[in-house]
Amino acid sequence: MGIHHTYKSQRGERAERKQAKQDALRRKSDARKARKKKVEQKDTIIVPEDQIITMDFLTNPKNK
């Protein structure tokens, strides 16, 4: 008997390991994207339309 007999019999196990690896990478990537998006949303400042934007408003750290 050669190695080719055991190779085919383990096809299902290899497929499961590959699928688990892909799922783990996808979850890791999604988590990274979610963290990045959360940080981007945190840094943005929303100014009401009726407020005039002055240099003091832009440079004053208390407004952020």
PDB file of N, CA and C in Angstrom:
ATOM      1  N   MET A   1       0.840  -1.173   0.000  1.00  0.00           N
ATOM      2  CA  MET A   1       0.000   0.000   0.000  1.00  0.00           C
ATOM      3  C   MET A   1       0.892   1.245   0.000  1.00  0.00           C
ATOM      4  N   GLY A   2       0.429   2.221  -0.687  1.00  0.00           N
ATOM      5  CA  GLY A   2       1.190   3.469  -0.753  1.00  0.00           C
ATOM      6  C   GLY A   2       0.457   4.589  -0.038  1.00  0.00           C
ATOM      7  N   ILE A   3       1.059   5.729  -0.083  1.00  0.00           N
ATOM      8  CA  ILE A   3       0.486   6.889   0.598  1.00  0.00           C
ATOM      9  C   ILE A   3      -0.793   7.359  -0.090  1.00  0.00           C
ATOM     10  N   HIS A   4      -0.953   7.041  -1.365  1.00  0.00           N
ATOM     11  CA  HIS A   4      -2.127   7.513  -2.093  1.00  0.00           C
ATOM     12  C   HIS A   4      -3.423   6.908  -1.561  1.00  0.00           C
ATOM     13  N   HIS A   5      -3.359   5.795  -0.888  1.00  0.00           N
ATOM     14  CA  HIS A   5      -4.574   5.193  -0.343  1.00  0.00           C
ATOM     15  C   HIS A   5      -5.080   5.982   0.869  1.00  0.00           C
ATOM     16  N   THR A   6      -4.180   6.496   1.686  1.00  0.00           N
ATOM     17  CA  THR A   6      -4.605   7.263   2.855  1.00  0.00           C
ATOM     18  C   THR A   6      -4.918   8.706   2.475  1.00  0.00           C
ATOM     19  N   TYR A   7      -4.351   9.181   1.401  1.00  0.00           N
ATOM     20  CA  TYR A   7      -4.579  10.566   0.977  1.00  0.00           C
ATOM     21  C   TYR A   7      -6.050  10.797   0.653  1.00  0.00           C
ATOM     22  N   LYS A   8      -6.628   9.904  -0.119  1.00  0.00           N
ATOM     23  CA  LYS A   8      -8.034  10.068  -0.497  1.00  0.00           C
ATOM     24  C   LYS A   8      -8.969   9.868   0.691  1.00  0.00           C
ATOM     25  N   SER A   9      -8.588   9.012   1.601  1.00  0.00           N
ATOM     26  CA  SER A   9      -9.465   8.751   2.738  1.00  0.00           C
ATOM     27  C   SER A   9      -9.509   9.933   3.710  1.00  0.00           C
ATOM     28  N   GLN A  10      -8.542  10.812   3.643  1.00  0.00           N
ATOM     29  CA  GLN A  10      -8.503  11.967   4.538  1.00  0.00           C
ATOM     30  C   GLN A  10      -9.022  13.236   3.863  1.00  0.00           C
ATOM     31  N   ARG A  11      -9.632  13.101   2.729  1.00  0.00           N
ATOM     32  CA  ARG A  11     -10.110  14.254   1.966  1.00  0.00           C
ATOM     33  C   ARG A  11     -11.094  15.103   2.775  1.00  0.00           C
ATOM     34  N   GLY A  12     -12.014  14.460   3.472  1.00  0.00           N
ATOM     35  CA  GLY A  12     -13.005  15.190   4.264  1.00  0.00           C
ATOM     36  C   GLY A  12     -12.378  15.972   5.411  1.00  0.00           C
ATOM     37  N   GLU A  13     -11.405  15.355   6.065  1.00  0.00           N
ATOM     38  CA  GLU A  13     -10.724  16.035   7.172  1.00  0.00           C
ATOM     39  C   GLU A  13      -9.974  17.264   6.674  1.00  0.00           C
ATOM     40  N   ARG A  14      -9.306  17.131   5.540  1.00  0.00           N
ATOM     41  CA  ARG A  14      -8.575  18.269   4.977  1.00  0.00           C
ATOM     42  C   ARG A  14      -9.532  19.386   4.586  1.00  0.00           C
ATOM     43  N   ALA A  15     -10.667  19.032   4.023  1.00  0.00           N
ATOM     44  CA  ALA A  15     -11.656  20.037   3.628  1.00  0.00           C
ATOM     45  C   ALA A  15     -12.192  20.774   4.854  1.00  0.00           C
ATOM     46  N   GLU A  16     -12.437  20.047   5.938  1.00  0.00           N
ATOM     47  CA  GLU A  16     -12.926  20.681   7.166  1.00  0.00           C
ATOM     48  C   GLU A  16     -11.882  21.627   7.750  1.00  0.00           C
ATOM     49  N   ARG A  17     -10.613  21.198   7.758  1.00  0.00           N
ATOM     50  CA  ARG A  17      -9.553  22.066   8.277  1.00  0.00           C
ATOM     51  C   ARG A  17      -9.405  23.317   7.425  1.00  0.00           C
ATOM     52  N   LYS A  18      -9.486  23.154   6.115  1.00  0.00           N
ATOM     53  CA  LYS A  18      -9.369  24.295   5.212  1.00  0.00           C
ATOM     54  C   LYS A  18     -10.531  25.265   5.429  1.00  0.00           C
ATOM     55  N   GLN A  19     -11.737  24.740   5.565  1.00  0.00           N
ATOM     56  CA  GLN A  19     -12.915  25.584   5.790  1.00  0.00           C
ATOM     57  C   GLN A  19     -12.805  26.318   7.125  1.00  0.00           C
ATOM     58  N   ALA A  20     -12.333  25.633   8.161  1.00  0.00           N
ATOM     59  CA  ALA A  20     -12.171  26.266   9.471  1.00  0.00           C
ATOM     60  C   ALA A  20     -11.132  27.383   9.402  1.00  0.00           C
ATOM     61  N   LYS A  21     -10.062  27.150   8.660  1.00  0.00           N
ATOM     62  CA  LYS A  21      -9.024  28.168   8.507  1.00  0.00           C
ATOM     63  C   LYS A  21      -9.572  29.386   7.772  1.00  0.00           C
ATOM     64  N   GLN A  22     -10.337  29.166   6.717  1.00  0.00           N
ATOM     65  CA  GLN A  22     -10.930  30.271   5.965  1.00  0.00           C
ATOM     66  C   GLN A  22     -11.911  31.055   6.831  1.00  0.00           C
ATOM     67  N   ASP A  23     -12.717  30.357   7.619  1.00  0.00           N
ATOM     68  CA  ASP A  23     -13.674  31.022   8.508  1.00  0.00           C
ATOM     69  C   ASP A  23     -12.954  31.870   9.556  1.00  0.00           C
ATOM     70  N   ALA A  24     -11.860  31.332  10.110  1.00  0.00           N
ATOM     71  CA  ALA A  24     -11.100  32.076  11.115  1.00  0.00           C
ATOM     72  C   ALA A  24     -10.500  33.336  10.507  1.00  0.00           C
ATOM     73  N   LEU A  25      -9.951  33.225   9.309  1.00  0.00           N
ATOM     74  CA  LEU A  25      -9.376  34.396   8.651  1.00  0.00           C
ATOM     75  C   LEU A  25     -10.448  35.426   8.329  1.00  0.00           C
ATOM     76  N   ARG A  26     -11.624  34.969   7.913  1.00  0.00           N
ATOM     77  CA  ARG A  26     -12.712  35.894   7.595  1.00  0.00           C
ATOM     78  C   ARG A  26     -13.187  36.625   8.849  1.00  0.00           C
ATOM     79  N   ARG A  27     -13.338  35.888   9.963  1.00  0.00           N
ATOM     80  CA  ARG A  27     -13.747  36.527  11.220  1.00  0.00           C
ATOM     81  C   ARG A  27     -12.705  37.542  11.683  1.00  0.00           C
ATOM     82  N   LYS A  28     -11.431  37.183  11.550  1.00  0.00           N
ATOM     83  CA  LYS A  28     -10.356  38.084  11.950  1.00  0.00           C
ATOM     84  C   LYS A  28     -10.374  39.350  11.094  1.00  0.00           C
ATOM     85  N   SER A  29     -10.573  39.189   9.805  1.00  0.00           N
ATOM     86  CA  SER A  29     -10.621  40.329   8.895  1.00  0.00           C
ATOM     87  C   SER A  29     -11.829  41.211   9.183  1.00  0.00           C
ATOM     88  N   ASP A  30     -12.976  40.603   9.409  1.00  0.00           N
ATOM     89  CA  ASP A  30     -14.188  41.373   9.713  1.00  0.00           C
ATOM     90  C   ASP A  30     -14.026  42.163  11.011  1.00  0.00           C
ATOM     91  N   ALA A  31     -13.394  41.551  12.003  1.00  0.00           N
ATOM     92  CA  ALA A  31     -13.175  42.240  13.275  1.00  0.00           C
ATOM     93  C   ALA A  31     -12.234  43.424  13.082  1.00  0.00           C
ATOM     94  N   ARG A  32     -11.203  43.227  12.275  1.00  0.00           N
ATOM     95  CA  ARG A  32     -10.249  44.304  12.017  1.00  0.00           C
ATOM     96  C   ARG A  32     -10.928  45.461  11.287  1.00  0.00           C
ATOM     97  N   LYS A  33     -11.766  45.144  10.313  1.00  0.00           N
ATOM     98  CA  LYS A  33     -12.484  46.184   9.573  1.00  0.00           C
ATOM     99  C   LYS A  33     -13.452  46.921  10.482  1.00  0.00           C
ATOM    100  N   ALA A  34     -14.110  46.206  11.388  1.00  0.00           N
ATOM    101  CA  ALA A  34     -15.058  46.834  12.309  1.00  0.00           C
ATOM    102  C   ALA A  34     -14.338  47.782  13.264  1.00  0.00           C
ATOM    103  N   ARG A  35     -13.166  47.363  13.763  1.00  0.00           N
ATOM    104  CA  ARG A  35     -12.394  48.240  14.646  1.00  0.00           C
ATOM    105  C   ARG A  35     -11.942  49.491  13.903  1.00  0.00           C
ATOM    106  N   LYS A  36     -11.497  49.326  12.671  1.00  0.00           N
ATOM    107  CA  LYS A  36     -11.032  50.460  11.876  1.00  0.00           C
ATOM    108  C   LYS A  36     -12.185  51.426  11.607  1.00  0.00           C
ATOM    109  N   LYS A  37     -13.345  50.903  11.288  1.00  0.00           N
ATOM    110  CA  LYS A  37     -14.502  51.746  11.013  1.00  0.00           C
ATOM    111  C   LYS A  37     -14.932  52.482  12.280  1.00  0.00           C
ATOM    112  N   LYS A  38     -14.869  51.820  13.417  1.00  0.00           N
ATOM    113  CA  LYS A  38     -15.249  52.443  14.683  1.00  0.00           C
ATOM    114  C   LYS A  38     -14.310  53.603  15.005  1.00  0.00           C
ATOM    115  N   VAL A  39     -13.017  53.429  14.768  1.00  0.00           N
ATOM    116  CA  VAL A  39     -12.041  54.490  15.020  1.00  0.00           C
ATOM    117  C   VAL A  39     -12.291  55.659  14.086  1.00  0.00           C
ATOM    118  N   GLU A  40     -12.585  55.395  12.819  1.00  0.00           N
ATOM    119  CA  GLU A  40     -12.849  56.458  11.862  1.00  0.00           C
ATOM    120  C   GLU A  40     -14.086  57.247  12.267  1.00  0.00           C
ATOM    121  N   GLN A  41     -15.117  56.583  12.720  1.00  0.00           N
ATOM    122  CA  GLN A  41     -16.332  57.267  13.135  1.00  0.00           C
ATOM    123  C   GLN A  41     -16.080  58.096  14.392  1.00  0.00           C
ATOM    124  N   LYS A  42     -15.192  57.649  15.234  1.00  0.00           N
ATOM    125  CA  LYS A  42     -14.897  58.351  16.470  1.00  0.00           C
ATOM    126  C   LYS A  42     -14.177  59.674  16.188  1.00  0.00           C
ATOM    127  N   ASP A  43     -13.362  59.737  15.145  1.00  0.00           N
ATOM    128  CA  ASP A  43     -12.569  60.915  14.840  1.00  0.00           C
ATOM    129  C   ASP A  43     -13.343  61.995  14.094  1.00  0.00           C
ATOM    130  N   THR A  44     -14.474  61.694  13.564  1.00  0.00           N
ATOM    131  CA  THR A  44     -15.200  62.681  12.779  1.00  0.00           C
ATOM    132  C   THR A  44     -16.003  63.605  13.684  1.00  0.00           C
ATOM    133  N   ILE A  45     -16.104  64.847  13.248  1.00  0.00           N
ATOM    134  CA  ILE A  45     -16.870  65.851  13.982  1.00  0.00           C
ATOM    135  C   ILE A  45     -18.053  66.245  13.118  1.00  0.00           C
ATOM    136  N   ILE A  46     -19.233  66.194  13.681  1.00  0.00           N
ATOM    137  CA  ILE A  46     -20.433  66.585  12.957  1.00  0.00           C
ATOM    138  C   ILE A  46     -20.851  67.960  13.465  1.00  0.00           C
ATOM    139  N   VAL A  47     -20.868  68.901  12.545  1.00  0.00           N
ATOM    140  CA  VAL A  47     -21.212  70.280  12.884  1.00  0.00           C
ATOM    141  C   VAL A  47     -22.626  70.548  12.402  1.00  0.00           C
ATOM    142  N   PRO A  48     -23.477  71.104  13.259  1.00  0.00           N
ATOM    143  CA  PRO A  48     -24.829  71.450  12.816  1.00  0.00           C
ATOM    144  C   PRO A  48     -24.784  72.485  11.690  1.00  0.00           C
ATOM    145  N   GLU A  49     -25.776  72.461  10.832  1.00  0.00           N
ATOM    146  CA  GLU A  49     -25.796  73.352   9.678  1.00  0.00           C
ATOM    147  C   GLU A  49     -25.927  74.817  10.069  1.00  0.00           C
ATOM    148  N   ASP A  50     -26.586  75.106  11.172  1.00  0.00           N
ATOM    149  CA  ASP A  50     -26.801  76.502  11.550  1.00  0.00           C
ATOM    150  C   ASP A  50     -25.607  77.116  12.282  1.00  0.00           C
ATOM    151  N   GLN A  51     -24.575  76.333  12.573  1.00  0.00           N
ATOM    152  CA  GLN A  51     -23.412  76.849  13.286  1.00  0.00           C
ATOM    153  C   GLN A  51     -22.351  77.309  12.292  1.00  0.00           C
ATOM    154  N   ILE A  52     -21.736  78.453  12.570  1.00  0.00           N
ATOM    155  CA  ILE A  52     -20.676  78.989  11.723  1.00  0.00           C
ATOM    156  C   ILE A  52     -19.358  78.366  12.169  1.00  0.00           C
ATOM    157  N   ILE A  53     -18.595  77.880  11.207  1.00  0.00           N
ATOM    158  CA  ILE A  53     -17.314  77.249  11.509  1.00  0.00           C
ATOM    159  C   ILE A  53     -16.249  78.342  11.537  1.00  0.00           C
ATOM    160  N   THR A  54     -15.646  78.519  12.695  1.00  0.00           N
ATOM    161  CA  THR A  54     -14.587  79.512  12.845  1.00  0.00           C
ATOM    162  C   THR A  54     -13.272  78.800  13.116  1.00  0.00           C
ATOM    163  N   MET A  55     -12.183  79.557  13.057  1.00  0.00           N
ATOM    164  CA  MET A  55     -10.870  78.985  13.324  1.00  0.00           C
ATOM    165  C   MET A  55     -10.780  78.511  14.779  1.00  0.00           C
ATOM    166  N   ASP A  56     -11.420  79.222  15.677  1.00  0.00           N
ATOM    167  CA  ASP A  56     -11.425  78.828  17.081  1.00  0.00           C
ATOM    168  C   ASP A  56     -12.120  77.476  17.262  1.00  0.00           C
ATOM    169  N   PHE A  57     -13.189  77.263  16.543  1.00  0.00           N
ATOM    170  CA  PHE A  57     -13.906  75.986  16.623  1.00  0.00           C
ATOM    171  C   PHE A  57     -13.026  74.836  16.136  1.00  0.00           C
ATOM    172  N   LEU A  58     -12.248  75.076  15.102  1.00  0.00           N
ATOM    173  CA  LEU A  58     -11.404  74.024  14.539  1.00  0.00           C
ATOM    174  C   LEU A  58     -10.192  73.720  15.404  1.00  0.00           C
ATOM    175  N   THR A  59      -9.648  74.726  16.086  1.00  0.00           N
ATOM    176  CA  THR A  59      -8.403  74.529  16.826  1.00  0.00           C
ATOM    177  C   THR A  59      -8.596  74.291  18.312  1.00  0.00           C
ATOM    178  N   ASN A  60      -9.766  74.563  18.856  1.00  0.00           N
ATOM    179  CA  ASN A  60     -10.008  74.398  20.288  1.00  0.00           C
ATOM    180  C   ASN A  60     -10.214  72.916  20.607  1.00  0.00           C
ATOM    181  N   PRO A  61      -9.331  72.317  21.419  1.00  0.00           N
ATOM    182  CA  PRO A  61      -9.468  70.883  21.716  1.00  0.00           C
ATOM    183  C   PRO A  61     -10.686  70.556  22.580  1.00  0.00           C
ATOM    184  N   LYS A  62     -11.265  71.540  23.255  1.00  0.00           N
ATOM    185  CA  LYS A  62     -12.430  71.279  24.100  1.00  0.00           C
ATOM    186  C   LYS A  62     -13.684  71.015  23.271  1.00  0.00           C
ATOM    187  N   ASN A  63     -13.697  71.458  22.039  1.00  0.00           N
ATOM    188  CA  ASN A  63     -14.862  71.260  21.176  1.00  0.00           C
ATOM    189  C   ASN A  63     -14.948  69.837  20.644  1.00  0.00           C
ATOM    190  N   LYS A  64     -13.887  69.081  20.759  1.00  0.00           N
ATOM    191  CA  LYS A  64     -13.874  67.744  20.157  1.00  0.00           C
ATOM    192  C   LYS A  64     -14.382  66.726  21.080  1.00  0.00           C
TER     193      LYS A  64
END
